[in-house]
C-alpha atoms as a PDB file:
ATOM      1  CA  MET A   1     119.607 167.518 138.041  1.00  0.00           C
ATOM      2  CA  ILE A   2     120.307 164.747 136.013  1.00  0.00           C
ATOM      3  CA  LYS A   3     116.879 164.623 134.570  1.00  0.00           C
ATOM      4  CA  LEU A   4     117.294 168.412 134.106  1.00  0.00           C
ATOM      5  CA  ILE A   5     120.361 167.961 132.150  1.00  0.00           C
ATOM      6  CA  ARG A   6     119.103 165.478 130.087  1.00  0.00           C
ATOM      7  CA  GLU A   7     116.101 167.424 129.208  1.00  0.00           C
ATOM      8  CA  SER A   8     117.713 170.396 128.385  1.00  0.00           C
ATOM      9  CA  SER A   9     120.511 169.146 126.214  1.00  0.00           C
ATOM     10  CA  GLN A  10     120.537 168.170 122.278  1.00  0.00           C
ATOM     11  CA  PRO A  11     123.014 166.333 120.543  1.00  0.00           C
ATOM     12  CA  LEU A  12     126.396 168.281 119.409  1.00  0.00           C
ATOM     13  CA  GLU A  13     128.802 167.250 116.708  1.00  0.00           C
ATOM     14  CA  PRO A  14     132.717 168.615 117.054  1.00  0.00           C
ATOM     15  CA  LEU A  15     133.797 171.143 114.674  1.00  0.00           C
ATOM     16  CA  PRO A  16     136.606 170.310 112.353  1.00  0.00           C
ATOM     17  CA  VAL A  17     140.041 171.302 113.899  1.00  0.00           C
ATOM     18  CA  HIS A  18     142.969 172.194 111.117  1.00  0.00           C
ATOM     19  CA  LEU A  19     146.328 171.981 112.575  1.00  0.00           C
ATOM     20  CA  THR A  20     149.570 173.248 110.759  1.00  0.00           C
ATOM     21  CA  ALA A  21     152.172 170.436 109.994  1.00  0.00           C
ATOM     22  CA  GLU A  22     154.223 171.289 113.177  1.00  0.00           C
ATOM     23  CA  TRP A  23     150.917 170.066 115.253  1.00  0.00           C
ATOM     24  CA  GLU A  24     150.111 167.492 113.062  1.00  0.00           C
ATOM     25  CA  ALA A  25     153.468 165.966 113.075  1.00  0.00           C
ATOM     26  CA  LEU A  26     152.573 164.864 116.653  1.00  0.00           C
ATOM     27  CA  ILE A  27     149.492 162.778 115.994  1.00  0.00           C
ATOM     28  CA  PRO A  28     150.853 159.234 116.463  1.00  0.00           C
ATOM     29  CA  LYS A  29     151.523 157.339 113.203  1.00  0.00           C
ATOM     30  CA  LYS A  30     149.384 154.111 112.227  1.00  0.00           C
ATOM     31  CA  GLY A  31     150.230 151.573 114.719  1.00  0.00           C
ATOM     32  CA  VAL A  32     151.945 153.634 117.057  1.00  0.00           C
ATOM     33  CA  GLN A  33     150.876 152.630 120.834  1.00  0.00           C
ATOM     34  CA  VAL A  34     150.010 155.502 122.900  1.00  0.00           C
ATOM     35  CA  LEU A  35     149.605 154.031 125.600  1.00  0.00           C
ATOM     36  CA  LYS A  36     152.772 151.820 125.802  1.00  0.00           C
ATOM     37  CA  GLY A  37     154.130 151.925 129.248  1.00  0.00           C
ATOM     38  CA  ILE A  38     151.074 153.634 130.609  1.00  0.00           C
ATOM     39  CA  ARG A  39     149.556 152.500 133.892  1.00  0.00           C
ATOM     40  CA  SER A  40     147.128 155.414 134.591  1.00  0.00           C
ATOM     41  CA  VAL A  41     145.345 157.690 132.586  1.00  0.00           C
ATOM     42  CA  LEU A  42     143.802 160.983 133.526  1.00  0.00           C
ATOM     43  CA  PHE A  43     141.308 163.105 131.565  1.00  0.00           C
ATOM     44  CA  ASP A  44     140.325 166.613 131.962  1.00  0.00           C
ATOM     45  CA  ILE A  45     136.436 166.895 131.166  1.00  0.00           C
ATOM     46  CA  TYR A  46     135.228 169.956 129.159  1.00  0.00           C
ATOM     47  CA  GLY A  47     136.592 169.760 125.561  1.00  0.00           C
ATOM     48  CA  THR A  48     137.818 166.442 126.084  1.00  0.00           C
ATOM     49  CA  LEU A  49     135.702 163.904 127.248  1.00  0.00           C
ATOM     50  CA  PHE A  50     132.566 166.560 126.262  1.00  0.00           C
ATOM     51  CA  ILE A  51     132.088 168.697 123.690  1.00  0.00           C
ATOM     52  CA  SER A  52     131.666 172.026 125.334  1.00  0.00           C
ATOM     53  CA  GLY A  53     129.625 174.760 123.551  1.00  0.00           C
ATOM     54  CA  ALA A  54     131.655 177.697 124.881  1.00  0.00           C
ATOM     55  CA  GLY A  55     134.841 175.590 125.118  1.00  0.00           C
ATOM     56  CA  GLU A  56     135.007 175.736 128.943  1.00  0.00           C
ATOM     57  CA  ILE A  57     132.771 175.579 132.498  1.00  0.00           C
ATOM     58  CA  SER A  58     130.920 178.886 132.570  1.00  0.00           C
ATOM     59  CA  ALA A  59     132.961 179.762 135.775  1.00  0.00           C
ATOM     60  CA  GLY A  60     135.957 179.858 133.528  1.00  0.00           C
ATOM     61  CA  ILE A  61     135.188 181.929 130.949  1.00  0.00           C
ATOM     62  CA  THR A  62     133.659 184.670 132.761  1.00  0.00           C
ATOM     63  CA  THR A  63     136.305 186.986 131.268  1.00  0.00           C
ATOM     64  CA  GLU A  64     135.185 186.228 127.749  1.00  0.00           C
ATOM     65  CA  LYS A  65     131.897 187.628 126.227  1.00  0.00           C
ATOM     66  CA  LYS A  66     130.297 184.834 124.921  1.00  0.00           C
ATOM     67  CA  SER A  67     127.046 184.070 122.923  1.00  0.00           C
ATOM     68  CA  PHE A  68     124.568 181.803 124.463  1.00  0.00           C
ATOM     69  CA  HIS A  69     120.676 180.551 124.592  1.00  0.00           C
ATOM     70  CA  ILE A  70     118.352 179.438 127.341  1.00  0.00           C
ATOM     71  CA  SER A  71     116.484 176.356 126.503  1.00  0.00           C
ATOM     72  CA  LEU A  72     113.003 175.812 128.028  1.00  0.00           C
ATOM     73  CA  ALA A  73     112.260 172.140 128.476  1.00  0.00           C
ATOM     74  CA  LYS A  74     108.789 170.804 128.188  1.00  0.00           C
ATOM     75  CA  ASP A  75     107.772 168.284 131.040  1.00  0.00           C
ATOM     76  CA  SER A  76     108.905 164.901 129.678  1.00  0.00           C
ATOM     77  CA  ALA A  77     109.536 163.009 133.056  1.00  0.00           C
ATOM     78  CA  ASN A  78     108.720 159.456 131.273  1.00  0.00           C
ATOM     79  CA  ALA A  79     110.800 160.464 128.167  1.00  0.00           C
ATOM     80  CA  GLU A  80     113.541 157.673 127.569  1.00  0.00           C
ATOM     81  CA  PHE A  81     117.306 158.616 127.117  1.00  0.00           C
ATOM     82  CA  SER A  82     120.139 156.411 125.591  1.00  0.00           C
ATOM     83  CA  GLU A  83     123.440 158.303 123.553  1.00  0.00           C
ATOM     84  CA  THR A  84     121.758 157.714 120.568  1.00  0.00           C
ATOM     85  CA  GLN A  85     117.726 158.318 121.266  1.00  0.00           C
ATOM     86  CA  ARG A  86     117.433 161.754 122.850  1.00  0.00           C
ATOM     87  CA  ASN A  87     114.655 164.098 124.146  1.00  0.00           C
ATOM     88  CA  THR A  88     114.004 166.179 121.533  1.00  0.00           C
ATOM     89  CA  GLU A  89     111.003 168.137 123.263  1.00  0.00           C
ATOM     90  CA  ASN A  90     113.224 171.020 124.106  1.00  0.00           C
ATOM     91  CA  ILE A  91     111.911 174.513 123.006  1.00  0.00           C
ATOM     92  CA  ASN A  92     114.696 177.012 121.776  1.00  0.00           C
ATOM     93  CA  ILE A  93     114.036 180.809 122.546  1.00  0.00           C
ATOM     94  CA  LYS A  94     115.758 181.561 119.667  1.00  0.00           C
ATOM     95  CA  ASP A  95     113.666 178.809 117.261  1.00  0.00           C
ATOM     96  CA  PRO A  96     111.307 181.381 115.636  1.00  0.00           C
ATOM     97  CA  LEU A  97     109.068 178.570 115.921  1.00  0.00           C
ATOM     98  CA  CYS A  98     109.241 178.257 119.199  1.00  0.00           C
ATOM     99  CA  ALA A  99     106.110 179.450 121.151  1.00  0.00           C
ATOM    100  CA  PHE A 100     107.620 181.755 123.532  1.00  0.00           C
ATOM    101  CA  ALA A 101     109.304 184.135 120.437  1.00  0.00           C
ATOM    102  CA  SER A 102     107.156 186.942 121.591  1.00  0.00           C
ATOM    103  CA  LEU A 103     109.127 186.636 124.964  1.00  0.00           C
ATOM    104  CA  ARG A 104     112.788 186.921 122.798  1.00  0.00           C
ATOM    105  CA  GLU A 105     113.631 190.483 123.506  1.00  0.00           C
ATOM    106  CA  GLU A 106     112.202 190.515 127.415  1.00  0.00           C
ATOM    107  CA  PHE A 107     114.466 187.218 127.666  1.00  0.00           C
ATOM    108  CA  GLU A 108     117.451 188.267 126.171  1.00  0.00           C
ATOM    109  CA  ASP A 109     117.402 191.387 128.582  1.00  0.00           C
ATOM    110  CA  GLN A 110     117.223 188.888 131.420  1.00  0.00           C
ATOM    111  CA  CYS A 111     119.998 186.699 129.987  1.00  0.00           C
ATOM    112  CA  SER A 112     122.148 189.937 129.770  1.00  0.00           C
ATOM    113  CA  GLU A 113     121.432 190.795 133.437  1.00  0.00           C
ATOM    114  CA  MET A 114     122.215 187.467 134.592  1.00  0.00           C
ATOM    115  CA  THR A 115     125.520 187.053 132.695  1.00  0.00           C
ATOM    116  CA  GLU A 116     126.754 190.331 133.925  1.00  0.00           C
ATOM    117  CA  TYR A 117     125.905 189.416 137.765  1.00  0.00           C
ATOM    118  CA  PHE A 118     127.730 186.169 137.438  1.00  0.00           C
ATOM    119  CA  ARG A 119     130.936 187.671 135.595  1.00  0.00           C
ATOM    120  CA  SER A 120     130.508 190.357 138.332  1.00  0.00           C
ATOM    121  CA  ALA A 121     130.373 187.865 141.464  1.00  0.00           C
ATOM    122  CA  VAL A 122     133.042 185.676 140.221  1.00  0.00           C
ATOM    123  CA  LYS A 123     135.798 188.748 139.658  1.00  0.00           C
ATOM    124  CA  GLN A 124     134.893 189.872 142.962  1.00  0.00           C
ATOM    125  CA  GLN A 125     135.655 186.556 144.825  1.00  0.00           C
ATOM    126  CA  HIS A 126     138.817 185.907 142.389  1.00  0.00           C
ATOM    127  CA  GLU A 127     140.053 189.415 143.595  1.00  0.00           C
ATOM    128  CA  LYS A 128     139.464 188.039 147.003  1.00  0.00           C
ATOM    129  CA  ALA A 129     141.280 185.080 146.753  1.00  0.00           C
ATOM    130  CA  HIS A 130     144.020 186.599 144.991  1.00  0.00           C
ATOM    131  CA  ALA A 131     144.645 189.008 148.141  1.00  0.00           C
ATOM    132  CA  GLU A 132     144.835 186.170 149.943  1.00  0.00           C
ATOM    133  CA  GLY A 133     147.434 184.664 147.971  1.00  0.00           C
ATOM    134  CA  ILE A 134     145.506 182.497 146.017  1.00  0.00           C
ATOM    135  CA  VAL A 135     146.776 182.279 142.268  1.00  0.00           C
ATOM    136  CA  TRP A 136     144.445 180.022 140.463  1.00  0.00           C
ATOM    137  CA  PRO A 137     141.404 180.568 142.530  1.00  0.00           C
ATOM    138  CA  GLU A 138     137.876 178.868 141.732  1.00  0.00           C
ATOM    139  CA  VAL A 139     134.417 179.571 143.060  1.00  0.00           C
ATOM    140  CA  ARG A 140     131.172 177.636 143.890  1.00  0.00           C
ATOM    141  CA  VAL A 141     128.839 178.513 141.440  1.00  0.00           C
ATOM    142  CA  GLU A 142     125.735 177.397 143.435  1.00  0.00           C
ATOM    143  CA  GLU A 143     126.727 180.009 146.086  1.00  0.00           C
ATOM    144  CA  ILE A 144     126.714 182.969 144.025  1.00  0.00           C
ATOM    145  CA  TRP A 145     123.481 182.145 142.497  1.00  0.00           C
ATOM    146  CA  ALA A 146     121.845 181.242 145.902  1.00  0.00           C
ATOM    147  CA  ASP A 147     122.257 185.467 146.399  1.00  0.00           C
ATOM    148  CA  TYR A 148     120.911 186.612 142.831  1.00  0.00           C
ATOM    149  CA  LYS A 149     117.834 188.767 143.343  1.00  0.00           C
ATOM    150  CA  GLY A 150     116.826 189.684 139.636  1.00  0.00           C
ATOM    151  CA  ALA A 151     114.495 188.437 137.312  1.00  0.00           C
ATOM    152  CA  ILE A 152     114.141 184.367 136.942  1.00  0.00           C
ATOM    153  CA  PRO A 153     113.436 183.434 133.325  1.00  0.00           C
ATOM    154  CA  PRO A 154     110.097 182.281 132.262  1.00  0.00           C
ATOM    155  CA  GLY A 155     109.829 178.315 132.961  1.00  0.00           C
ATOM    156  CA  TRP A 156     112.440 178.087 135.409  1.00  0.00           C
ATOM    157  CA  GLU A 157     110.579 176.393 138.265  1.00  0.00           C
ATOM    158  CA  LEU A 158     112.851 176.058 141.147  1.00  0.00           C
ATOM    159  CA  THR A 159     112.502 173.728 143.992  1.00  0.00           C
ATOM    160  CA  GLN A 160     112.569 175.280 147.446  1.00  0.00           C
ATOM    161  CA  GLY A 161     115.640 174.848 149.532  1.00  0.00           C
ATOM    162  CA  MET A 162     117.629 173.925 146.111  1.00  0.00           C
ATOM    163  CA  ARG A 163     117.620 177.760 144.409  1.00  0.00           C
ATOM    164  CA  GLY A 164     121.041 178.321 144.080  1.00  0.00           C
ATOM    165  CA  GLN A 165     121.939 174.820 142.498  1.00  0.00           C
ATOM    166  CA  GLU A 166     119.122 174.623 139.935  1.00  0.00           C
ATOM    167  CA  MET A 167     119.803 178.436 139.261  1.00  0.00           C
ATOM    168  CA  ALA A 168     123.475 177.263 138.776  1.00  0.00           C
ATOM    169  CA  LEU A 169     122.557 174.230 136.694  1.00  0.00           C
ATOM    170  CA  ARG A 170     119.996 176.022 134.551  1.00  0.00           C
ATOM    171  CA  TYR A 171     122.412 178.914 134.020  1.00  0.00           C
ATOM    172  CA  GLU A 172     125.541 176.510 132.786  1.00  0.00           C
ATOM    173  CA  LEU A 173     122.779 174.621 130.455  1.00  0.00           C
ATOM    174  CA  ALA A 174     122.124 177.693 128.748  1.00  0.00           C
ATOM    175  CA  VAL A 175     125.310 179.245 128.245  1.00  0.00           C
ATOM    176  CA  ASN A 176     127.384 175.994 128.088  1.00  0.00           C
ATOM    177  CA  PRO A 177     125.438 173.050 126.040  1.00  0.00           C
ATOM    178  CA  VAL A 178     127.245 170.065 126.343  1.00  0.00           C
ATOM    179  CA  PHE A 179     127.360 166.583 124.939  1.00  0.00           C
ATOM    180  CA  PRO A 180     129.590 163.180 125.191  1.00  0.00           C
ATOM    181  CA  MET A 181     132.777 163.616 122.786  1.00  0.00           C
ATOM    182  CA  PRO A 182     132.729 160.961 119.857  1.00  0.00           C
ATOM    183  CA  HIS A 183     133.805 157.391 121.583  1.00  0.00           C
ATOM    184  CA  ALA A 184     134.208 158.710 124.847  1.00  0.00           C
ATOM    185  CA  LYS A 185     132.234 156.041 126.908  1.00  0.00           C
ATOM    186  CA  GLU A 186     133.678 153.405 124.729  1.00  0.00           C
ATOM    187  CA  THR A 187     137.145 154.744 125.237  1.00  0.00           C
ATOM    188  CA  LEU A 188     136.434 154.599 128.899  1.00  0.00           C
ATOM    189  CA  ARG A 189     135.468 151.234 129.509  1.00  0.00           C
ATOM    190  CA  THR A 190     138.009 149.940 127.003  1.00  0.00           C
ATOM    191  CA  LEU A 191     140.825 151.319 129.277  1.00  0.00           C
ATOM    192  CA  ALA A 192     138.902 150.280 132.453  1.00  0.00           C
ATOM    193  CA  VAL A 193     138.658 146.751 131.178  1.00  0.00           C
ATOM    194  CA  ASN A 194     142.121 146.522 130.574  1.00  0.00           C
ATOM    195  CA  GLY A 195     143.182 147.672 133.872  1.00  0.00           C
ATOM    196  CA  VAL A 196     144.206 151.172 133.251  1.00  0.00           C
ATOM    197  CA  LYS A 197     144.037 153.165 136.642  1.00  0.00           C
ATOM    198  CA  LEU A 198     141.468 155.815 135.033  1.00  0.00           C
ATOM    199  CA  GLY A 199     141.406 159.404 136.470  1.00  0.00           C
ATOM    200  CA  ILE A 200     140.359 163.214 136.379  1.00  0.00           C
ATOM    201  CA  ILE A 201     141.864 166.354 137.033  1.00  0.00           C
ATOM    202  CA  SER A 202     139.307 168.865 135.352  1.00  0.00           C
ATOM    203  CA  ASN A 203     137.938 172.551 136.389  1.00  0.00           C
ATOM    204  CA  ALA A 204     134.418 171.542 137.441  1.00  0.00           C
ATOM    205  CA  GLN A 205     131.348 172.281 139.507  1.00  0.00           C
ATOM    206  CA  PHE A 206     129.051 169.908 141.789  1.00  0.00           C
ATOM    207  CA  TYR A 207     126.766 169.177 138.424  1.00  0.00           C
ATOM    208  CA  THR A 208     129.729 168.295 136.084  1.00  0.00           C
ATOM    209  CA  PRO A 209     130.091 164.562 137.512  1.00  0.00           C
ATOM    210  CA  LEU A 210     126.418 164.264 137.096  1.00  0.00           C
ATOM    211  CA  LEU A 211     127.390 164.651 133.406  1.00  0.00           C
ATOM    212  CA  PHE A 212     128.313 161.006 133.168  1.00  0.00           C
ATOM    213  CA  ASN A 213     125.025 159.753 134.746  1.00  0.00           C
ATOM    214  CA  ALA A 214     123.120 161.838 132.739  1.00  0.00           C
ATOM    215  CA  PHE A 215     124.776 161.009 129.203  1.00  0.00           C
ATOM    216  CA  PHE A 216     126.429 157.210 130.161  1.00  0.00           C
ATOM    217  CA  ASN A 217     123.736 156.304 132.894  1.00  0.00           C
ATOM    218  CA  ALA A 218     126.548 155.719 134.757  1.00  0.00           C
ATOM    219  CA  SER A 219     128.547 157.702 137.590  1.00  0.00           C
ATOM    220  CA  PRO A 220     132.713 157.933 137.386  1.00  0.00           C
ATOM    221  CA  THR A 221     133.169 155.414 139.692  1.00  0.00           C
ATOM    222  CA  GLU A 222     130.503 152.903 137.451  1.00  0.00           C
ATOM    223  CA  LEU A 223     132.655 153.919 134.421  1.00  0.00           C
ATOM    224  CA  GLY A 224     135.956 152.885 135.753  1.00  0.00           C
ATOM    225  CA  PHE A 225     137.245 155.851 137.583  1.00  0.00           C
ATOM    226  CA  ASP A 226     138.982 155.198 140.554  1.00  0.00           C
ATOM    227  CA  PRO A 227     137.610 157.540 143.506  1.00  0.00           C
ATOM    228  CA  GLU A 228     140.677 158.617 144.457  1.00  0.00           C
ATOM    229  CA  LEU A 229     142.059 160.293 141.456  1.00  0.00           C
ATOM    230  CA  LEU A 230     138.880 162.306 140.963  1.00  0.00           C
ATOM    231  CA  ILE A 231     140.431 166.003 141.599  1.00  0.00           C
ATOM    232  CA  TYR A 232     137.795 168.681 140.648  1.00  0.00           C
ATOM    233  CA  SER A 233     138.512 172.371 140.813  1.00  0.00           C
ATOM    234  CA  PHE A 234     135.389 173.347 143.083  1.00  0.00           C
ATOM    235  CA  GLU A 235     136.507 170.545 145.753  1.00  0.00           C
ATOM    236  CA  GLU A 236     139.902 172.092 146.119  1.00  0.00           C
ATOM    237  CA  ASN A 237     139.190 175.697 146.012  1.00  0.00           C
ATOM    238  CA  GLU A 238     141.701 175.957 143.214  1.00  0.00           C
ATOM    239  CA  ALA A 239     141.343 175.626 139.352  1.00  0.00           C
ATOM    240  CA  LYS A 240     143.639 174.683 136.867  1.00  0.00           C
ATOM    241  CA  PRO A 241     146.532 175.093 135.988  1.00  0.00           C
ATOM    242  CA  SER A 242     147.197 174.998 139.881  1.00  0.00           C
ATOM    243  CA  PRO A 243     150.114 172.994 140.211  1.00  0.00           C
ATOM    244  CA  ARG A 244     148.417 171.808 143.262  1.00  0.00           C
ATOM    245  CA  LEU A 245     145.693 169.902 141.351  1.00  0.00           C
ATOM    246  CA  PHE A 246     148.085 168.039 139.836  1.00  0.00           C
ATOM    247  CA  ALA A 247     150.698 167.591 142.359  1.00  0.00           C
ATOM    248  CA  LYS A 248     147.505 166.006 144.213  1.00  0.00           C
ATOM    249  CA  ALA A 249     147.221 163.264 141.682  1.00  0.00           C
ATOM    250  CA  ARG A 250     150.961 162.299 141.869  1.00  0.00           C
ATOM    251  CA  GLU A 251     150.895 162.021 145.382  1.00  0.00           C
ATOM    252  CA  ARG A 252     147.796 159.689 144.949  1.00  0.00           C
ATOM    253  CA  LEU A 253     149.260 157.466 141.763  1.00  0.00           C
ATOM    254  CA  ALA A 254     152.017 157.072 144.129  1.00  0.00           C
ATOM    255  CA  GLN A 255     150.257 155.122 146.830  1.00  0.00           C
ATOM    256  CA  TYR A 256     149.602 152.569 143.801  1.00  0.00           C
ATOM    257  CA  THR A 257     153.499 152.737 142.965  1.00  0.00           C
ATOM    258  CA  ILE A 258     152.278 154.493 139.642  1.00  0.00           C
ATOM    259  CA  LYS A 259     154.877 156.800 138.245  1.00  0.00           C
ATOM    260  CA  PRO A 260     154.468 160.282 136.596  1.00  0.00           C
ATOM    261  CA  GLU A 261     156.161 158.693 133.244  1.00  0.00           C
ATOM    262  CA  GLU A 262     153.721 155.536 133.641  1.00  0.00           C
ATOM    263  CA  THR A 263     150.507 158.437 133.599  1.00  0.00           C
ATOM    264  CA  LEU A 264     149.110 159.683 130.684  1.00  0.00           C
ATOM    265  CA  TYR A 265     147.338 163.127 131.037  1.00  0.00           C
ATOM    266  CA  ILE A 266     144.861 164.129 128.071  1.00  0.00           C
ATOM    267  CA  GLY A 267     143.292 167.681 127.698  1.00  0.00           C
ATOM    268  CA  ASN A 268     142.529 170.277 125.428  1.00  0.00           C
ATOM    269  CA  ASP A 269     144.325 173.387 126.640  1.00  0.00           C
ATOM    270  CA  MET A 270     148.052 173.803 126.419  1.00  0.00           C
ATOM    271  CA  LYS A 271     148.442 175.999 129.516  1.00  0.00           C
ATOM    272  CA  ASN A 272     145.746 174.442 131.863  1.00  0.00           C
ATOM    273  CA  ASP A 273     146.426 170.821 130.742  1.00  0.00           C
ATOM    274  CA  ILE A 274     149.405 170.108 129.054  1.00  0.00           C
ATOM    275  CA  SER A 275     152.076 172.910 130.248  1.00  0.00           C
ATOM    276  CA  ALA A 276     150.608 172.020 133.968  1.00  0.00           C
ATOM    277  CA  ALA A 277     150.807 167.844 134.003  1.00  0.00           C
ATOM    278  CA  ALA A 278     154.321 168.345 132.539  1.00  0.00           C
ATOM    279  CA  GLU A 279     155.725 170.064 135.115  1.00  0.00           C
ATOM    280  CA  GLU A 280     154.886 166.883 137.553  1.00  0.00           C
ATOM    281  CA  GLY A 281     156.382 164.592 134.716  1.00  0.00           C
ATOM    282  CA  PHE A 282     153.365 163.284 133.090  1.00  0.00           C
ATOM    283  CA  ILE A 283     152.909 162.351 129.801  1.00  0.00           C
ATOM    284  CA  THR A 284     150.734 164.543 127.852  1.00  0.00           C
ATOM    285  CA  ALA A 285     148.496 164.178 125.245  1.00  0.00           C
ATOM    286  CA  LEU A 286     146.673 167.524 123.388  1.00  0.00           C
ATOM    287  CA  PHE A 287     143.073 166.443 122.469  1.00  0.00           C
ATOM    288  CA  ALA A 288     142.231 168.713 119.137  1.00  0.00           C
ATOM    289  CA  GLY A 289     139.070 166.756 118.651  1.00  0.00           C
ATOM    290  CA  ASP A 290     136.958 169.812 118.652  1.00  0.00           C
ATOM    291  CA  ARG A 291     137.693 173.497 117.025  1.00  0.00           C
ATOM    292  CA  ARG A 292     135.538 175.413 119.960  1.00  0.00           C
ATOM    293  CA  SER A 293     137.616 174.019 122.556  1.00  0.00           C
ATOM    294  CA  LEU A 294     140.930 173.335 121.700  1.00  0.00           C
ATOM    295  CA  ARG A 295     143.567 175.912 123.040  1.00  0.00           C
ATOM    296  CA  LEU A 296     147.164 175.887 121.590  1.00  0.00           C
ATOM    297  CA  ARG A 297     148.061 179.356 123.392  1.00  0.00           C
ATOM    298  CA  GLU A 298     150.980 180.089 121.204  1.00  0.00           C
ATOM    299  CA  GLY A 299     151.019 183.676 121.988  1.00  0.00           C
ATOM    300  CA  ASP A 300     151.308 182.722 126.203  1.00  0.00           C
ATOM    301  CA  PRO A 301     154.713 182.791 127.685  1.00  0.00           C
ATOM    302  CA  ALA A 302     153.665 179.813 129.399  1.00  0.00           C
ATOM    303  CA  CYS A 303     153.578 177.558 126.673  1.00  0.00           C
ATOM    304  CA  ALA A 304     156.282 179.373 124.614  1.00  0.00           C
ATOM    305  CA  GLY A 305     158.758 176.186 123.393  1.00  0.00           C
ATOM    306  CA  LYS A 306     156.450 173.489 124.978  1.00  0.00           C
ATOM    307  CA  LYS A 307     154.374 170.711 122.930  1.00  0.00           C
ATOM    308  CA  PRO A 308     152.917 167.532 124.369  1.00  0.00           C
ATOM    309  CA  HIS A 309     154.085 164.193 123.964  1.00  0.00           C
ATOM    310  CA  PHE A 310     151.087 163.605 121.660  1.00  0.00           C
ATOM    311  CA  VAL A 311     148.331 165.358 119.631  1.00  0.00           C
ATOM    312  CA  VAL A 312     145.047 163.071 119.801  1.00  0.00           C
ATOM    313  CA  ASN A 313     142.358 164.230 117.568  1.00  0.00           C
ATOM    314  CA  ASP A 314     139.749 160.905 118.497  1.00  0.00           C
ATOM    315  CA  LEU A 315     139.761 159.334 122.091  1.00  0.00           C
ATOM    316  CA  GLN A 316     139.726 156.225 120.139  1.00  0.00           C
ATOM    317  CA  ALA A 317     143.642 156.546 119.598  1.00  0.00           C
ATOM    318  CA  LEU A 318     143.949 155.921 123.436  1.00  0.00           C
ATOM    319  CA  CYS A 319     142.715 152.443 122.479  1.00  0.00           C
ATOM    320  CA  THR A 320     145.115 151.503 119.971  1.00  0.00           C
END
């Protein structure tokens, strides 16, 4: 799985964000310490620690029409990988120089079929969960793809016994390419060395933690995240902005005698991240480092009149 992520990924750059004066006023002035009095920092993943081509994990964007590409990675088992040197042997089906360009029309039909299947399956599972009283349900994508009976795109050689997992990961990499946000690894290392308790509250799937291994050559715990503070939606059967995810983090932090007001939560979505974290009393920072994923939700009643404590456009701001 880690090898597949590496082979199917290409560098991404954040897209510039243009904020109004109202939001820019929340960017800390030079010399202001964002983490003053903070003992723990909890992170969102997609759109915060990692650039997300779709702006969010695919299971969370199934109600929106998204354009996407599918890459066919050449065999590069011996390819070296680092943050600055990447495997560039990917074949992009939309590249006119691609050896598979003649399959483009047929391939896009398969892409459409797969997307409609996925959207429909997620919707059905959500409706079932809503009927059972779960307001913010989460799915397990490997279970959805294990039941897929449609055509498999060329080049998708699936390992016996792992069909659902590999289908799920290949689809995710196709519709939602990811790459580390600038200064993500350095920021995590600096915070961990300084004794800050690190955690995650994020919409995620089984492959999400593997992004750290693939891009940073280290697991979340090896990067300094506390295993008790890794809260992923797929493990909880609920997705953000479910209050239960944030309440669980508050309860676990209490075991370390860390109060909500000593905890910073940083994410790119005013509703799913900032408003939800603020309800538990956390200090909040809206990450505005990439236009793809920034969700101000200014027309959403759930966010009316709400603002984060800070707006951060570079993760390094957490280290000042």
